[in-house]
Amino acid sequence: MYDKEKVEKIKKHKEQWEDTTLEKSMSRFPERQEEFVTTSSAPIDRLYTPEDVADMDYERDLGFPGEYPYTRGVHATMYRGRLWTMRMFAGFGTAEETNARFKYLLSQGETGLSIAFDMPTLYGLDTDDPRAEGEFGKCGVAVSSLKDMEVLMDGIPMDKVSTSMTINSPAAVIWAFYIAAAENKGVHRSKLAGTIQNDILKEYIAQKEFLFPPEPSMRLVTDTIEFGSSEMPLWNTISISGYHIREAGATAVQELAFTLADGFAYVEHALARGLDVDSFAPRLSFFFNSHNDFFEEIAKFRAARRIWAKAMRYKYGAKNPRSWLLRFHTQTAGCSLTAQQPENNIIRTTIQALAAVLGGTQSLHTNSMDEALALPSEKAVTVALRTQQIIAYESGVANTVDPLAGSFFVESLTNRMEEEANAYFDKIEAIGGVVAGIENGFFQRELAESAFRYQQEIDEKRRTIVGVNEFVDKSPVEIPLLEMDPKGYERQVARLEQVRKERNNEEVGKALLALEKATRENENVMPYLIDAAHAYATLGEIMDVFRDVFGEYQEPVFF
């Protein structure tokens, strides 16, 4: 990208600058610390010049937006044509309470829904299951049957609003509830747009909300990919998620590498099923974290697009350019939020959201200031949404495509992240792939070590966290916190009992038997799940079929 003679001349000029101008400045104003590093503890040089990107080729490594290798964005006009989807993660208590929050957010300018489910739902349990006691509605909304989904989506035009659902082990079942709810409204499944997270590999790696062993879990994911490819052209059947990997302590490079490695594993399982790569790859989507280090995050997003495009085109032989695209949702870093001085989280979230936008995200959730203390209050979630809107309409950053391209620092950091991610891919391949890496504890050890190092840096004050280990204010927190309806649990259990009483239990029994047969005979389970949903079989009843066939997974202990 640069003339070699000119690069050599710049190199000599830099050496001269270091011996003269810099040395004089350092004698008067020494640098604040011996070493500067990113949030991931990667070293940062004092100055970047064309020498740091001398080996780059513009056409090969950057290109143009909307064209291979998509480093500069997946769309030619990016936000000049259409802003990112503003999709605030929401869910608490009963379906009625969350439905009201959805309608409020849509009225305030949100452009897509994102559903958070409570812990019993995430573990495939009905609200009244004894194992679910005390967990109703605390981290999301309870959905135990189609009836709850119907209440949750009441008054919302399901053929006009895209919906993202953060659900993994029971993803196929919750998706079936959503499809059945739409069909009961007269909306054909082919008209539905949205995403199910459905990323079971990252559960074993980081979040730990797995239920079944890896292989049958991957079979269910592949069933959804196959079904969506033929039946639901507007739906993303999986959101391959680095977010939770980062929240568990990963560095930016680990998040990048482990997420894309998971993506490759899903592609390989679908190919093994006999699917054509171009039949399903265009509907794969990704979900990344945006942490505090502004430039590191931007470089991560740009590197992710380039790595994925190369692999899909040359390793997996995709012919359709849409199969080469890495489209992603971003959420600001929950693990960066502090209970101390919660208003500071507004500034953290703003920086993180700005990095996501400058990194080219297609969809964005901004965390609320109070999330280290409780689920978001209406005031807090409004401030979080307004943060996105101010970035979109007032900051000017959406007026040009990839404005940081060509920055010596950003391009050098992007290249370095790609190189380090490729080194991880080689390690993962050498140990037998992602599933083998899960089973032998490779990923778990990597995350534990990086999380420990980061916390040690904070404890030793080598890393400053404002309001936590520096600039501490011990005044009591004075912000309004969300309070859920104390009668919500009773209403939820009453609705569940009514469903069981009023449904045709003979039909439920037949639907569950058909599902069990299909599961044992390796048929695609999605049509049977939709039938069971329409019969008002509960989440727990359906998941018990899978528990009986697959068994439950116990993670080995690693040190």
Protein backbone atom coordinates (compact mmCIF):
# COMPACT_ATOMS: atom_id res chain seq x y z
CA MET A 1 0.00 0.00 0.00
CA TYR A 2 3.04 2.25 0.46
CA ASP A 3 6.19 2.85 -1.58
CA LYS A 4 9.05 0.91 0.05
CA GLU A 5 11.54 3.73 -0.36
CA LYS A 6 9.16 6.18 1.26
CA VAL A 7 8.47 3.77 4.13
CA GLU A 8 12.24 3.44 4.70
CA LYS A 9 12.55 7.21 4.69
CA ILE A 10 9.72 7.50 7.25
CA LYS A 11 11.42 4.86 9.41
CA LYS A 12 14.65 6.88 9.50
CA HIS A 13 12.73 10.07 10.19
CA LYS A 14 10.98 8.35 13.10
CA GLU A 15 14.33 7.29 14.55
CA GLN A 16 15.54 10.87 14.25
CA TRP A 17 12.32 12.10 15.92
CA GLU A 18 12.86 9.65 18.81
CA ASP A 19 16.43 10.90 19.34
CA THR A 20 15.54 14.59 19.23
CA THR A 21 11.97 15.81 19.63
CA LEU A 22 10.75 12.88 21.69
CA GLU A 23 13.81 12.76 23.97
CA LYS A 24 13.49 16.47 24.76
CA SER A 25 9.79 16.07 25.50
CA MET A 26 10.35 13.01 27.68
CA SER A 27 12.93 14.86 29.77
CA ARG A 28 10.34 17.49 30.61
CA PHE A 29 7.16 15.40 30.56
CA PRO A 30 7.87 11.70 31.24
CA GLU A 31 5.17 9.25 30.20
CA ARG A 32 2.64 8.32 32.85
CA GLN A 33 3.65 4.67 32.96
CA GLU A 34 6.28 2.31 31.61
CA GLU A 35 3.91 0.29 29.47
CA PHE A 36 0.58 1.06 27.82
CA VAL A 37 -1.77 -1.82 27.06
CA THR A 38 -5.28 -2.43 25.80
CA THR A 39 -8.12 -3.73 27.98
CA SER A 40 -6.92 -7.18 26.91
CA SER A 41 -3.36 -6.34 28.07
CA ALA A 42 -1.98 -6.27 24.53
CA PRO A 43 0.94 -3.78 24.30
CA ILE A 44 0.35 -0.47 22.53
CA ASP A 45 3.22 1.33 20.84
CA ARG A 46 3.79 5.01 21.35
CA LEU A 47 3.33 5.90 17.70
CA TYR A 48 2.14 4.16 14.53
CA THR A 49 3.32 5.05 11.03
CA PRO A 50 3.12 3.56 7.51
CA GLU A 51 5.92 1.22 8.59
CA ASP A 52 3.40 -0.67 10.78
CA VAL A 53 1.12 -1.41 7.81
CA ALA A 54 3.71 -1.55 5.06
CA ASP A 55 2.74 -5.09 4.04
CA MET A 56 -0.94 -4.26 3.57
CA ASP A 57 -2.52 -4.36 0.15
CA TYR A 58 -5.58 -2.15 -0.20
CA GLU A 59 -7.54 -4.40 -2.57
CA ARG A 60 -6.64 -7.62 -0.73
CA ASP A 61 -6.98 -6.46 2.88
CA LEU A 62 -9.42 -3.56 2.81
CA GLY A 63 -11.32 -3.25 -0.44
CA PHE A 64 -14.56 -1.30 -0.49
CA PRO A 65 -17.66 -1.45 1.71
CA GLY A 66 -20.11 -4.10 0.55
CA GLU A 67 -17.35 -6.01 -1.28
CA TYR A 68 -15.00 -8.83 -0.34
CA PRO A 69 -13.25 -9.01 2.15
CA TYR A 70 -15.78 -6.69 3.86
CA THR A 71 -13.22 -5.21 6.26
CA ARG A 72 -14.88 -1.84 5.68
CA GLY A 73 -18.45 -3.04 6.18
CA VAL A 74 -21.03 -5.45 4.79
CA HIS A 75 -23.11 -2.77 3.02
CA ALA A 76 -21.91 -0.26 0.47
CA THR A 77 -23.61 2.73 2.10
CA MET A 78 -23.71 1.43 5.69
CA TYR A 79 -25.53 3.95 7.93
CA ARG A 80 -25.96 6.51 5.14
CA GLY A 81 -28.58 4.10 3.79
CA ARG A 82 -30.00 2.60 6.97
CA LEU A 83 -29.11 2.99 10.62
CA TRP A 84 -28.35 -0.02 12.76
CA THR A 85 -31.33 -1.70 14.46
CA MET A 86 -31.78 -0.29 17.96
CA ARG A 87 -32.71 -3.43 19.84
CA MET A 88 -32.93 -3.04 23.63
CA PHE A 89 -32.68 -6.30 25.59
CA ALA A 90 -35.83 -6.52 27.74
CA GLY A 91 -37.67 -9.01 29.88
CA PHE A 92 -38.76 -9.40 33.48
CA GLY A 93 -41.51 -10.96 35.54
CA THR A 94 -44.64 -11.96 33.70
CA ALA A 95 -45.38 -11.80 29.99
CA GLU A 96 -47.77 -8.89 30.71
CA GLU A 97 -45.04 -6.78 32.33
CA THR A 98 -42.55 -7.44 29.55
CA ASN A 99 -45.18 -6.79 26.87
CA ALA A 100 -45.75 -3.37 28.42
CA ARG A 101 -41.99 -2.68 28.34
CA PHE A 102 -41.82 -3.73 24.67
CA LYS A 103 -44.62 -1.33 23.75
CA TYR A 104 -42.96 1.48 25.71
CA LEU A 105 -39.62 0.95 23.97
CA LEU A 106 -41.23 0.82 20.53
CA SER A 107 -43.05 4.07 21.32
CA GLN A 108 -39.70 5.66 22.22
CA GLY A 109 -38.03 4.76 18.92
CA GLU A 110 -36.70 1.25 19.39
CA THR A 111 -36.62 -0.51 16.02
CA GLY A 112 -36.44 -4.21 17.01
CA LEU A 113 -37.35 -6.38 19.99
CA SER A 114 -34.90 -8.43 22.05
CA ILE A 115 -36.30 -10.86 24.61
CA ALA A 116 -34.56 -11.82 27.84
CA PHE A 117 -35.88 -15.01 29.47
CA ASP A 118 -35.78 -15.93 33.13
CA MET A 119 -33.56 -18.68 34.53
CA PRO A 120 -36.21 -21.45 34.64
CA THR A 121 -37.04 -20.80 30.97
CA LEU A 122 -33.34 -20.84 30.06
CA TYR A 123 -33.06 -24.24 31.71
CA GLY A 124 -36.18 -25.63 30.07
CA LEU A 125 -38.30 -25.68 33.24
CA ASP A 126 -41.90 -24.62 33.81
CA THR A 127 -42.39 -21.82 36.31
CA ASP A 128 -44.03 -24.14 38.88
CA ASP A 129 -41.31 -26.80 38.68
CA PRO A 130 -39.82 -27.27 42.19
CA ARG A 131 -36.34 -26.81 40.67
CA ALA A 132 -37.36 -23.31 39.55
CA GLU A 133 -38.38 -22.07 42.99
CA GLY A 134 -37.28 -18.51 43.72
CA GLU A 135 -36.08 -17.74 40.20
CA PHE A 136 -39.29 -16.55 38.53
CA GLY A 137 -38.84 -13.44 36.38
CA LYS A 138 -35.61 -12.25 37.97
CA CYS A 139 -33.34 -12.10 34.93
CA GLY A 140 -35.98 -12.12 32.21
CA VAL A 141 -39.54 -13.05 31.35
CA ALA A 142 -41.07 -16.43 32.17
CA VAL A 143 -42.36 -18.37 29.14
CA SER A 144 -43.72 -21.81 30.03
CA SER A 145 -46.11 -22.37 27.12
CA LEU A 146 -47.54 -20.95 23.91
CA LYS A 147 -50.05 -19.02 26.02
CA ASP A 148 -47.23 -16.99 27.63
CA MET A 149 -45.79 -16.24 24.19
CA GLU A 150 -49.19 -15.09 22.97
CA VAL A 151 -49.47 -12.70 25.90
CA LEU A 152 -45.89 -11.54 25.42
CA MET A 153 -46.51 -10.62 21.76
CA ASP A 154 -50.05 -9.28 22.24
CA GLY A 155 -50.63 -6.13 20.20
CA ILE A 156 -47.24 -6.38 18.47
CA PRO A 157 -47.25 -6.81 14.66
CA MET A 158 -45.11 -9.92 14.36
CA ASP A 159 -44.86 -9.58 10.58
CA LYS A 160 -43.46 -6.03 10.88
CA VAL A 161 -41.13 -6.11 13.91
CA SER A 162 -38.02 -8.29 14.01
CA THR A 163 -37.46 -10.14 17.27
CA SER A 164 -34.28 -11.48 18.78
CA MET A 165 -34.56 -14.16 21.47
CA THR A 166 -31.70 -14.90 23.84
CA ILE A 167 -32.29 -18.60 24.42
CA ASN A 168 -29.97 -21.54 23.91
CA SER A 169 -30.62 -25.08 25.19
CA PRO A 170 -34.42 -24.71 24.73
CA ALA A 171 -34.01 -22.47 21.66
CA ALA A 172 -35.86 -24.77 19.25
CA VAL A 173 -38.82 -25.01 21.64
CA ILE A 174 -39.10 -21.26 22.30
CA TRP A 175 -38.79 -20.65 18.56
CA ALA A 176 -41.66 -23.10 18.00
CA PHE A 177 -43.76 -21.14 20.54
CA TYR A 178 -42.99 -17.92 18.62
CA ILE A 179 -43.86 -19.46 15.26
CA ALA A 180 -47.10 -20.92 16.64
CA ALA A 181 -48.06 -17.57 18.22
CA ALA A 182 -47.59 -15.86 14.86
CA GLU A 183 -49.58 -18.54 13.05
CA ASN A 184 -52.42 -18.11 15.55
CA LYS A 185 -52.44 -14.43 14.53
CA GLY A 186 -52.61 -15.37 10.86
CA VAL A 187 -48.96 -14.51 10.14
CA HIS A 188 -47.21 -17.12 8.00
CA ARG A 189 -43.84 -18.29 9.32
CA SER A 190 -42.11 -17.17 6.12
CA LYS A 191 -42.96 -13.55 7.02
CA LEU A 192 -41.24 -13.66 10.42
CA ALA A 193 -37.92 -11.83 10.82
CA GLY A 194 -35.58 -12.13 13.75
CA THR A 195 -32.96 -14.26 15.47
CA ILE A 196 -32.73 -17.06 18.00
CA GLN A 197 -29.42 -17.11 19.81
CA ASN A 198 -29.27 -20.91 19.73
CA ASP A 199 -25.49 -20.97 20.30
CA ILE A 200 -24.89 -24.04 22.45
CA LEU A 201 -21.12 -24.17 22.02
CA LYS A 202 -20.57 -20.92 23.89
CA GLU A 203 -22.71 -22.33 26.72
CA TYR A 204 -20.14 -25.07 27.32
CA ILE A 205 -17.32 -22.56 26.93
CA ALA A 206 -18.63 -19.69 29.02
CA GLN A 207 -22.24 -19.26 30.12
CA LYS A 208 -22.89 -22.83 31.36
CA GLU A 209 -26.65 -22.97 30.64
CA PHE A 210 -26.31 -26.27 28.79
CA LEU A 211 -28.61 -29.25 29.35
CA PHE A 212 -27.60 -32.06 27.01
CA PRO A 213 -24.25 -33.47 25.87
CA PRO A 214 -22.53 -31.58 23.04
CA GLU A 215 -23.33 -33.90 20.13
CA PRO A 216 -27.15 -34.11 20.58
CA SER A 217 -27.15 -30.38 21.32
CA MET A 218 -25.39 -29.73 18.03
CA ARG A 219 -27.96 -31.96 16.32
CA LEU A 220 -30.77 -29.68 17.60
CA VAL A 221 -28.95 -26.58 16.35
CA THR A 222 -28.48 -28.20 12.94
CA ASP A 223 -32.20 -29.08 12.87
CA THR A 224 -33.05 -25.39 13.32
CA ILE A 225 -30.56 -24.34 10.64
CA GLU A 226 -32.04 -26.86 8.20
CA PHE A 227 -35.65 -25.90 9.00
CA GLY A 228 -34.99 -22.18 8.80
CA SER A 229 -33.18 -22.52 5.48
CA SER A 230 -36.22 -24.09 3.83
CA GLU A 231 -39.12 -22.48 5.73
CA MET A 232 -38.10 -19.07 7.12
CA PRO A 233 -35.96 -17.03 4.72
CA LEU A 234 -36.00 -13.88 6.90
CA TRP A 235 -34.90 -15.59 10.11
CA ASN A 236 -31.37 -15.90 11.52
CA THR A 237 -31.36 -19.41 12.95
CA ILE A 238 -28.32 -18.85 15.12
CA SER A 239 -26.51 -15.90 16.68
CA ILE A 240 -22.96 -17.12 17.16
CA SER A 241 -22.07 -15.35 20.37
CA GLY A 242 -18.82 -13.96 21.61
CA TYR A 243 -20.61 -11.75 24.09
CA HIS A 244 -20.77 -14.30 26.91
CA ILE A 245 -17.25 -15.52 26.20
CA ARG A 246 -16.03 -11.95 26.79
CA GLU A 247 -18.20 -11.57 29.88
CA ALA A 248 -16.56 -14.73 31.29
CA GLY A 249 -13.15 -13.06 31.13
CA ALA A 250 -11.88 -13.50 27.57
CA THR A 251 -9.59 -11.02 25.91
CA ALA A 252 -10.73 -9.34 22.71
CA VAL A 253 -8.66 -11.79 20.63
CA GLN A 254 -10.04 -14.79 22.52
CA GLU A 255 -13.58 -13.52 21.98
CA LEU A 256 -12.85 -13.07 18.29
CA ALA A 257 -11.13 -16.43 17.81
CA PHE A 258 -13.42 -18.61 19.92
CA THR A 259 -16.56 -17.09 18.43
CA LEU A 260 -15.47 -17.62 14.84
CA ALA A 261 -14.21 -21.12 15.69
CA ASP A 262 -17.72 -21.89 16.99
CA GLY A 263 -19.11 -20.51 13.75
CA PHE A 264 -16.89 -22.79 11.69
CA ALA A 265 -18.05 -25.76 13.81
CA TYR A 266 -21.72 -24.98 13.06
CA VAL A 267 -20.95 -24.70 9.35
CA GLU A 268 -19.18 -28.07 9.41
CA HIS A 269 -22.08 -29.79 11.19
CA ALA A 270 -24.55 -28.37 8.67
CA LEU A 271 -22.36 -29.53 5.79
CA ALA A 272 -22.16 -32.99 7.37
CA ARG A 273 -25.98 -33.03 7.39
CA GLY A 274 -25.79 -32.64 3.61
CA LEU A 275 -26.84 -29.00 3.40
CA ASP A 276 -25.39 -26.78 0.69
CA VAL A 277 -23.33 -24.03 2.31
CA ASP A 278 -25.06 -21.30 0.32
CA SER A 279 -28.47 -22.54 1.48
CA PHE A 280 -27.83 -21.65 5.12
CA ALA A 281 -24.73 -19.46 5.49
CA PRO A 282 -26.47 -16.18 4.52
CA ARG A 283 -28.72 -16.53 7.60
CA LEU A 284 -25.94 -17.11 10.13
CA SER A 285 -25.44 -14.10 12.37
CA PHE A 286 -23.05 -13.10 15.14
CA PHE A 287 -23.23 -11.37 18.51
CA PHE A 288 -20.24 -9.52 19.95
CA ASN A 289 -19.37 -7.66 23.11
CA SER A 290 -18.17 -4.06 22.94
CA HIS A 291 -15.84 -3.37 25.87
CA ASN A 292 -14.10 -0.24 27.10
CA ASP A 293 -11.03 -0.16 24.86
CA PHE A 294 -12.32 1.94 21.99
CA PHE A 295 -9.81 1.11 19.27
CA GLU A 296 -9.35 -2.54 20.25
CA GLU A 297 -13.07 -3.16 19.84
CA ILE A 298 -13.24 -1.43 16.46
CA ALA A 299 -10.28 -3.49 15.22
CA LYS A 300 -11.93 -6.69 16.50
CA PHE A 301 -15.09 -6.07 14.47
CA ARG A 302 -13.15 -5.25 11.31
CA ALA A 303 -10.91 -8.31 11.68
CA ALA A 304 -13.95 -10.55 12.28
CA ARG A 305 -15.50 -9.61 8.93
CA ARG A 306 -12.28 -10.26 7.04
CA ILE A 307 -11.55 -13.62 8.70
CA TRP A 308 -15.10 -14.90 8.14
CA ALA A 309 -15.19 -13.81 4.51
CA LYS A 310 -11.91 -15.56 3.73
CA ALA A 311 -12.93 -18.79 5.45
CA MET A 312 -16.39 -18.97 3.90
CA ARG A 313 -15.10 -18.25 0.42
CA TYR A 314 -11.98 -20.40 0.33
CA LYS A 315 -12.23 -23.00 3.12
CA TYR A 316 -15.93 -23.84 2.81
CA GLY A 317 -16.38 -23.03 -0.86
CA ALA A 318 -19.36 -20.67 -0.60
CA LYS A 319 -20.20 -19.15 -3.98
CA ASN A 320 -22.89 -16.66 -2.92
CA PRO A 321 -21.30 -13.41 -1.70
CA ARG A 322 -24.03 -13.19 0.97
CA SER A 323 -22.51 -16.32 2.51
CA TRP A 324 -19.27 -14.41 3.01
CA LEU A 325 -20.88 -11.66 5.06
CA LEU A 326 -20.40 -11.52 8.81
CA ARG A 327 -23.46 -9.65 10.08
CA PHE A 328 -23.51 -8.98 13.80
CA HIS A 329 -25.40 -7.60 16.76
CA THR A 330 -23.48 -5.86 19.52
CA GLN A 331 -24.19 -5.38 23.20
CA THR A 332 -22.17 -3.07 25.39
CA ALA A 333 -20.14 -4.81 28.09
CA GLY A 334 -22.21 -5.85 31.08
CA CYS A 335 -19.05 -6.92 32.92
CA SER A 336 -17.75 -3.34 32.75
CA LEU A 337 -20.73 -1.92 34.66
CA THR A 338 -20.19 -1.00 38.29
CA ALA A 339 -22.60 -0.85 41.22
CA GLN A 340 -20.51 2.04 42.56
CA GLN A 341 -21.41 5.41 41.02
CA PRO A 342 -23.85 3.86 38.53
CA GLU A 343 -24.19 7.09 36.55
CA ASN A 344 -20.62 6.46 35.34
CA ASN A 345 -22.02 3.51 33.40
CA ILE A 346 -23.75 5.94 31.04
CA ILE A 347 -20.34 7.18 29.89
CA ARG A 348 -18.91 3.66 29.64
CA THR A 349 -21.89 2.56 27.56
CA THR A 350 -21.57 5.59 25.27
CA ILE A 351 -17.92 4.83 24.48
CA GLN A 352 -18.70 1.16 23.89
CA ALA A 353 -21.70 1.93 21.68
CA LEU A 354 -19.66 4.40 19.64
CA ALA A 355 -17.01 1.71 19.08
CA ALA A 356 -19.69 -0.72 17.88
CA VAL A 357 -21.02 1.83 15.40
CA LEU A 358 -17.58 2.76 14.10
CA GLY A 359 -16.88 -0.98 13.87
CA GLY A 360 -19.90 -1.43 11.58
CA THR A 361 -22.51 -3.26 13.69
CA GLN A 362 -25.92 -4.10 12.19
CA SER A 363 -27.78 -4.06 15.50
CA LEU A 364 -27.04 -2.63 18.93
CA HIS A 365 -28.16 -2.94 22.55
CA THR A 366 -26.93 -0.38 25.07
CA ASN A 367 -26.85 -1.47 28.71
CA SER A 368 -28.62 0.62 31.32
CA MET A 369 -26.81 2.43 34.12
CA ASP A 370 -28.50 0.37 36.87
CA GLU A 371 -27.85 -3.16 35.59
CA ALA A 372 -25.17 -3.92 38.20
CA LEU A 373 -27.93 -3.39 40.78
CA ALA A 374 -31.17 -4.63 39.21
CA LEU A 375 -33.02 -5.16 35.95
CA PRO A 376 -33.30 -1.83 34.13
CA SER A 377 -35.84 0.73 35.31
CA GLU A 378 -37.88 2.60 32.72
CA LYS A 379 -35.79 5.74 33.26
CA ALA A 380 -32.48 3.88 32.91
CA VAL A 381 -33.49 2.01 29.76
CA THR A 382 -34.72 5.26 28.20
CA VAL A 383 -31.33 6.90 28.81
CA ALA A 384 -29.66 3.84 27.25
CA LEU A 385 -31.88 4.07 24.15
CA ARG A 386 -31.33 7.84 23.89
CA THR A 387 -27.56 7.15 23.92
CA GLN A 388 -27.94 5.27 20.63
CA GLN A 389 -30.22 7.90 19.17
CA ILE A 390 -27.78 10.72 19.99
CA ILE A 391 -24.93 8.78 18.37
CA ALA A 392 -27.13 8.15 15.32
CA TYR A 393 -28.58 11.60 14.82
CA GLU A 394 -26.23 14.10 16.49
CA SER A 395 -22.64 12.82 16.50
CA GLY A 396 -22.02 12.70 12.73
CA VAL A 397 -20.28 9.32 12.90
CA ALA A 398 -22.97 7.71 10.72
CA ASN A 399 -22.38 10.12 7.86
CA THR A 400 -19.50 8.28 6.20
CA VAL A 401 -18.55 4.62 5.87
CA ASP A 402 -15.70 3.22 8.01
CA PRO A 403 -14.22 6.63 8.91
CA LEU A 404 -11.24 5.15 10.79
CA ALA A 405 -9.97 3.14 7.80
CA GLY A 406 -6.39 4.02 6.95
CA SER A 407 -5.47 4.88 10.52
CA PHE A 408 -2.02 3.39 11.01
CA PHE A 409 -3.01 2.31 14.52
CA VAL A 410 -6.41 0.86 13.63
CA GLU A 411 -5.14 -1.04 10.60
CA SER A 412 -2.12 -2.36 12.50
CA LEU A 413 -4.33 -3.48 15.38
CA THR A 414 -6.81 -5.09 12.97
CA ASN A 415 -4.00 -7.03 11.30
CA ARG A 416 -2.55 -8.13 14.62
CA MET A 417 -5.91 -9.39 15.85
CA GLU A 418 -6.38 -11.38 12.65
CA GLU A 419 -2.93 -12.95 13.04
CA GLU A 420 -3.50 -13.85 16.69
CA ALA A 421 -6.96 -15.27 15.94
CA ASN A 422 -5.46 -17.45 13.20
CA ALA A 423 -2.91 -18.74 15.71
CA TYR A 424 -5.80 -19.78 17.97
CA PHE A 425 -7.53 -21.54 15.06
CA ASP A 426 -4.38 -23.60 14.56
CA LYS A 427 -4.35 -24.55 18.28
CA ILE A 428 -8.02 -25.52 18.22
CA GLU A 429 -7.56 -27.64 15.10
CA ALA A 430 -4.53 -29.34 16.67
CA ILE A 431 -6.56 -30.48 19.70
CA GLY A 432 -9.34 -31.91 17.52
CA GLY A 433 -11.76 -29.00 17.11
CA VAL A 434 -14.18 -27.03 19.24
CA VAL A 435 -16.08 -29.92 20.83
CA ALA A 436 -12.82 -31.65 21.76
CA GLY A 437 -11.56 -28.35 23.19
CA ILE A 438 -14.67 -28.12 25.34
CA GLU A 439 -14.35 -31.68 26.55
CA ASN A 440 -10.67 -31.35 27.49
CA GLY A 441 -11.07 -27.94 29.14
CA PHE A 442 -8.99 -25.88 26.68
CA PHE A 443 -11.44 -22.99 26.42
CA GLN A 444 -12.30 -23.02 30.11
CA ARG A 445 -8.63 -22.75 31.11
CA GLU A 446 -7.99 -19.95 28.61
CA LEU A 447 -10.87 -17.88 30.01
CA ALA A 448 -9.98 -18.57 33.64
CA GLU A 449 -6.39 -17.44 33.12
CA SER A 450 -7.30 -14.20 31.33
CA ALA A 451 -10.06 -13.38 33.85
CA PHE A 452 -7.65 -13.95 36.75
CA ARG A 453 -4.99 -11.73 35.18
CA TYR A 454 -7.47 -8.89 34.56
CA GLN A 455 -8.82 -8.98 38.12
CA GLN A 456 -5.28 -9.10 39.50
CA GLU A 457 -4.44 -5.94 37.55
CA ILE A 458 -7.44 -4.20 39.12
CA ASP A 459 -6.65 -5.44 42.63
CA GLU A 460 -3.05 -4.26 42.33
CA LYS A 461 -4.17 -0.90 40.85
CA ARG A 462 -2.24 -1.51 37.67
CA ARG A 463 -5.58 -0.94 35.96
CA THR A 464 -7.87 1.91 37.03
CA ILE A 465 -11.62 1.40 37.29
CA VAL A 466 -13.18 4.76 38.07
CA GLY A 467 -15.24 4.68 41.25
CA VAL A 468 -14.00 1.19 42.19
CA ASN A 469 -10.26 1.34 42.89
CA GLU A 470 -9.74 5.07 42.23
CA PHE A 471 -11.89 8.20 42.60
CA VAL A 472 -14.06 6.37 45.12
CA ASP A 473 -17.22 8.01 46.47
CA LYS A 474 -18.91 6.24 49.38
CA SER A 475 -22.16 8.21 49.14
CA PRO A 476 -25.26 6.01 48.97
CA VAL A 477 -26.62 5.16 45.52
CA GLU A 478 -29.62 7.32 44.69
CA ILE A 479 -31.22 6.11 41.48
CA PRO A 480 -34.66 4.53 41.04
CA LEU A 481 -34.61 0.74 40.73
CA LEU A 482 -37.14 -1.51 39.02
CA GLU A 483 -39.76 -3.14 41.19
CA MET A 484 -41.68 -6.09 39.78
CA ASP A 485 -45.32 -6.87 40.47
CA PRO A 486 -45.29 -9.01 43.66
CA LYS A 487 -48.40 -10.83 42.40
CA GLY A 488 -46.75 -11.76 39.11
CA TYR A 489 -45.70 -15.24 40.19
CA GLU A 490 -49.24 -16.09 41.27
CA ARG A 491 -50.64 -14.91 37.93
CA GLN A 492 -48.04 -16.88 36.01
CA VAL A 493 -48.73 -20.12 37.90
CA ALA A 494 -52.50 -19.62 37.55
CA ARG A 495 -52.16 -19.21 33.77
CA LEU A 496 -50.04 -22.35 33.57
CA GLU A 497 -52.62 -24.33 35.56
CA GLN A 498 -55.40 -22.99 33.31
CA VAL A 499 -53.48 -24.07 30.19
CA ARG A 500 -53.12 -27.61 31.52
CA LYS A 501 -56.80 -27.71 32.45
CA GLU A 502 -58.29 -26.31 29.23
CA ARG A 503 -56.07 -27.89 26.55
CA ASN A 504 -56.79 -31.21 24.88
CA ASN A 505 -54.47 -33.47 26.86
CA GLU A 506 -54.95 -36.33 24.41
CA GLU A 507 -53.54 -34.12 21.65
CA VAL A 508 -50.66 -33.11 23.93
CA GLY A 509 -49.83 -36.76 24.57
CA LYS A 510 -49.86 -37.58 20.85
CA ALA A 511 -47.68 -34.58 20.04
CA LEU A 512 -45.12 -35.52 22.68
CA LEU A 513 -45.02 -39.16 21.53
CA ALA A 514 -44.50 -38.03 17.94
CA LEU A 515 -41.71 -35.73 19.09
CA GLU A 516 -40.03 -38.54 21.01
CA LYS A 517 -40.19 -40.85 17.97
CA ALA A 518 -38.75 -38.16 15.69
CA THR A 519 -35.98 -37.44 18.19
CA ARG A 520 -34.98 -41.09 18.50
CA GLU A 521 -35.11 -41.62 14.73
CA ASN A 522 -33.00 -38.55 13.93
CA GLU A 523 -35.75 -36.70 12.07
CA ASN A 524 -35.75 -32.92 12.06
CA VAL A 525 -37.67 -32.07 15.24
CA MET A 526 -38.89 -28.58 14.31
CA PRO A 527 -42.24 -29.60 12.71
CA TYR A 528 -42.99 -31.78 15.74
CA LEU A 529 -42.10 -28.96 18.14
CA ILE A 530 -44.48 -26.60 16.36
CA ASP A 531 -47.26 -29.22 16.60
CA ALA A 532 -46.55 -29.63 20.33
CA ALA A 533 -46.60 -25.85 20.77
CA HIS A 534 -49.99 -25.59 19.05
CA ALA A 535 -51.29 -28.30 21.39
CA TYR A 536 -50.15 -26.14 24.34
CA ALA A 537 -47.61 -28.63 25.62
CA THR A 538 -45.48 -26.82 28.17
CA LEU A 539 -41.80 -26.03 27.91
CA GLY A 540 -40.96 -28.48 30.70
CA GLU A 541 -42.97 -31.29 29.12
CA ILE A 542 -41.25 -30.85 25.77
CA MET A 543 -37.78 -30.55 27.24
CA ASP A 544 -38.37 -33.69 29.31
CA VAL A 545 -38.69 -35.60 26.03
CA PHE A 546 -35.19 -34.46 25.08
CA ARG A 547 -33.89 -35.18 28.59
CA ASP A 548 -35.17 -38.75 28.33
CA VAL A 549 -33.62 -39.32 24.90
CA PHE A 550 -30.34 -37.39 25.22
CA GLY A 551 -29.62 -37.50 28.94
CA GLU A 552 -28.22 -34.50 30.84
CA TYR A 553 -24.64 -33.27 30.62
CA GLN A 554 -22.31 -32.97 33.59
CA GLU A 555 -19.25 -30.86 32.85
CA PRO A 556 -15.93 -32.44 33.82
CA VAL A 557 -13.93 -30.58 36.47
CA PHE A 558 -10.82 -28.84 35.14
CA PHE A 559 -7.88 -27.29 36.97
